[in-house]
Structures are given as structure tokens and as C-alpha cells.
Amino acid sequence: MEADGLVLFDIEHCILTGEVVERQKDPQTLERKYLIEGETLAGEKAVVVAKIGPTGKLAIMTTYLL
């Protein structure tokens, strides 16, 4: 996130305006993670990798620009 110059508002905008482009499931832990492709506030394409944590809240794992 920092390496690409992204801030929290960019991540939020990407999630809210984006769509899930891939769902992945870990065969050992059965955890699911989601790749969400959207746009930053500046209009750049970005991906957010997230999962639903044990508390039921969204946990951001990583994010990057395309």
C-alpha cells in the first residue's frame, strides 16, 4: 500500500466501486480470500486482497496498483 502511494481512502473507494474478480480457498485451513478490483480516488486501477476475519469483519491482507 505504502509502496504504491495508496491511502486508506483509496482502499475504501476500490472496495466500494470494485467487484470481486477472484475467490480463493486455502485447502488446509479452508479460509477464503477475495481479490477485489476497483479504482483509487485518482482513477487508477487497483486490487485489494481481503478476507472475512474470525470476528466477521473484513480484513485487508494486501493491496496493489495494476
C-alpha atoms as a PDB file:
ATOM      1  CA  MET A   1       0.000   0.000   0.000  1.00  0.00           C
ATOM      2  CA  GLU A   2       2.681   2.451   1.038  1.00  0.00           C
ATOM      3  CA  ALA A   3       4.986   1.443  -1.826  1.00  0.00           C
ATOM      4  CA  ASP A   4       2.254   2.326  -4.334  1.00  0.00           C
ATOM      5  CA  GLY A   5       1.400   5.589  -2.565  1.00  0.00           C
ATOM      6  CA  LEU A   6      -2.082   4.432  -1.572  1.00  0.00           C
ATOM      7  CA  VAL A   7      -4.002   5.653   1.461  1.00  0.00           C
ATOM      8  CA  LEU A   8      -6.931   4.155   3.355  1.00  0.00           C
ATOM      9  CA  PHE A   9      -9.462   6.205   1.349  1.00  0.00           C
ATOM     10  CA  ASP A  10      -8.095   4.690  -1.885  1.00  0.00           C
ATOM     11  CA  ILE A  11      -8.642   1.188  -0.491  1.00  0.00           C
ATOM     12  CA  GLU A  12     -12.153   2.030   0.661  1.00  0.00           C
ATOM     13  CA  HIS A  13     -13.030   3.510  -2.740  1.00  0.00           C
ATOM     14  CA  CYS A  14     -11.606   0.472  -4.527  1.00  0.00           C
ATOM     15  CA  ILE A  15     -13.762  -1.887  -2.456  1.00  0.00           C
ATOM     16  CA  LEU A  16     -16.924   0.202  -2.793  1.00  0.00           C
ATOM     17  CA  THR A  17     -16.624   0.737  -6.555  1.00  0.00           C
ATOM     18  CA  GLY A  18     -14.964  -2.553  -7.463  1.00  0.00           C
ATOM     19  CA  GLU A  19     -16.006  -6.123  -7.959  1.00  0.00           C
ATOM     20  CA  VAL A  20     -14.753  -9.493  -6.784  1.00  0.00           C
ATOM     21  CA  VAL A  21     -12.680 -10.877  -9.668  1.00  0.00           C
ATOM     22  CA  GLU A  22     -11.393 -13.988  -7.945  1.00  0.00           C
ATOM     23  CA  ARG A  23     -12.226 -16.154  -4.942  1.00  0.00           C
ATOM     24  CA  GLN A  24      -9.501 -18.336  -3.460  1.00  0.00           C
ATOM     25  CA  LYS A  25      -9.731 -21.071  -0.826  1.00  0.00           C
ATOM     26  CA  ASP A  26      -6.813 -22.397   1.199  1.00  0.00           C
ATOM     27  CA  PRO A  27      -7.005 -26.211   1.024  1.00  0.00           C
ATOM     28  CA  GLN A  28      -5.553 -26.692   4.520  1.00  0.00           C
ATOM     29  CA  THR A  29      -7.293 -24.016   6.584  1.00  0.00           C
ATOM     30  CA  LEU A  30     -10.361 -23.676   4.314  1.00  0.00           C
ATOM     31  CA  GLU A  31     -10.029 -19.888   4.673  1.00  0.00           C
ATOM     32  CA  ARG A  32     -11.350 -17.888   1.757  1.00  0.00           C
ATOM     33  CA  LYS A  33      -9.851 -14.710   0.383  1.00  0.00           C
ATOM     34  CA  TYR A  34     -11.182 -12.385  -2.262  1.00  0.00           C
ATOM     35  CA  LEU A  35      -9.464 -10.269  -4.915  1.00  0.00           C
ATOM     36  CA  ILE A  36     -11.412  -7.072  -5.463  1.00  0.00           C
ATOM     37  CA  GLU A  37     -10.540  -4.975  -8.492  1.00  0.00           C
ATOM     38  CA  GLY A  38     -11.594  -1.332  -8.498  1.00  0.00           C
ATOM     39  CA  GLU A  39     -10.317   2.223  -8.771  1.00  0.00           C
ATOM     40  CA  THR A  40      -8.489   4.551  -6.417  1.00  0.00           C
ATOM     41  CA  LEU A  41      -9.697   8.090  -5.822  1.00  0.00           C
ATOM     42  CA  ALA A  42      -7.322   9.206  -8.596  1.00  0.00           C
ATOM     43  CA  GLY A  43      -8.891   6.742 -11.035  1.00  0.00           C
ATOM     44  CA  GLU A  44      -6.021   4.254 -11.080  1.00  0.00           C
ATOM     45  CA  LYS A  45      -6.870   0.544 -11.235  1.00  0.00           C
ATOM     46  CA  ALA A  46      -6.054  -1.323  -8.025  1.00  0.00           C
ATOM     47  CA  VAL A  47      -6.588  -4.708  -6.389  1.00  0.00           C
ATOM     48  CA  VAL A  48      -7.453  -5.312  -2.756  1.00  0.00           C
ATOM     49  CA  VAL A  49      -6.936  -8.791  -1.308  1.00  0.00           C
ATOM     50  CA  ALA A  50      -9.237  -9.310   1.660  1.00  0.00           C
ATOM     51  CA  LYS A  51     -10.868 -11.980   3.794  1.00  0.00           C
ATOM     52  CA  ILE A  52     -13.544 -12.166   6.443  1.00  0.00           C
ATOM     53  CA  GLY A  53     -11.811 -12.484   9.809  1.00  0.00           C
ATOM     54  CA  PRO A  54     -12.900 -14.648  12.748  1.00  0.00           C
ATOM     55  CA  THR A  55     -14.854 -11.707  14.198  1.00  0.00           C
ATOM     56  CA  GLY A  56     -16.857 -11.361  10.974  1.00  0.00           C
ATOM     57  CA  LYS A  57     -15.100  -8.151   9.945  1.00  0.00           C
ATOM     58  CA  LEU A  58     -13.300  -7.547   6.670  1.00  0.00           C
ATOM     59  CA  ALA A  59      -9.522  -7.909   6.976  1.00  0.00           C
ATOM     60  CA  ILE A  60      -7.332  -6.341   4.294  1.00  0.00           C
ATOM     61  CA  MET A  61      -4.373  -8.595   3.516  1.00  0.00           C
ATOM     62  CA  THR A  62      -2.672  -6.535   0.818  1.00  0.00           C
ATOM     63  CA  THR A  63      -3.349  -4.100  -1.971  1.00  0.00           C
ATOM     64  CA  TYR A  64      -1.553  -3.025  -5.116  1.00  0.00           C
ATOM     65  CA  LEU A  65      -1.894  -0.992  -8.286  1.00  0.00           C
ATOM     66  CA  LEU A  66      -2.385  -2.708 -11.634  1.00  0.00           C
END
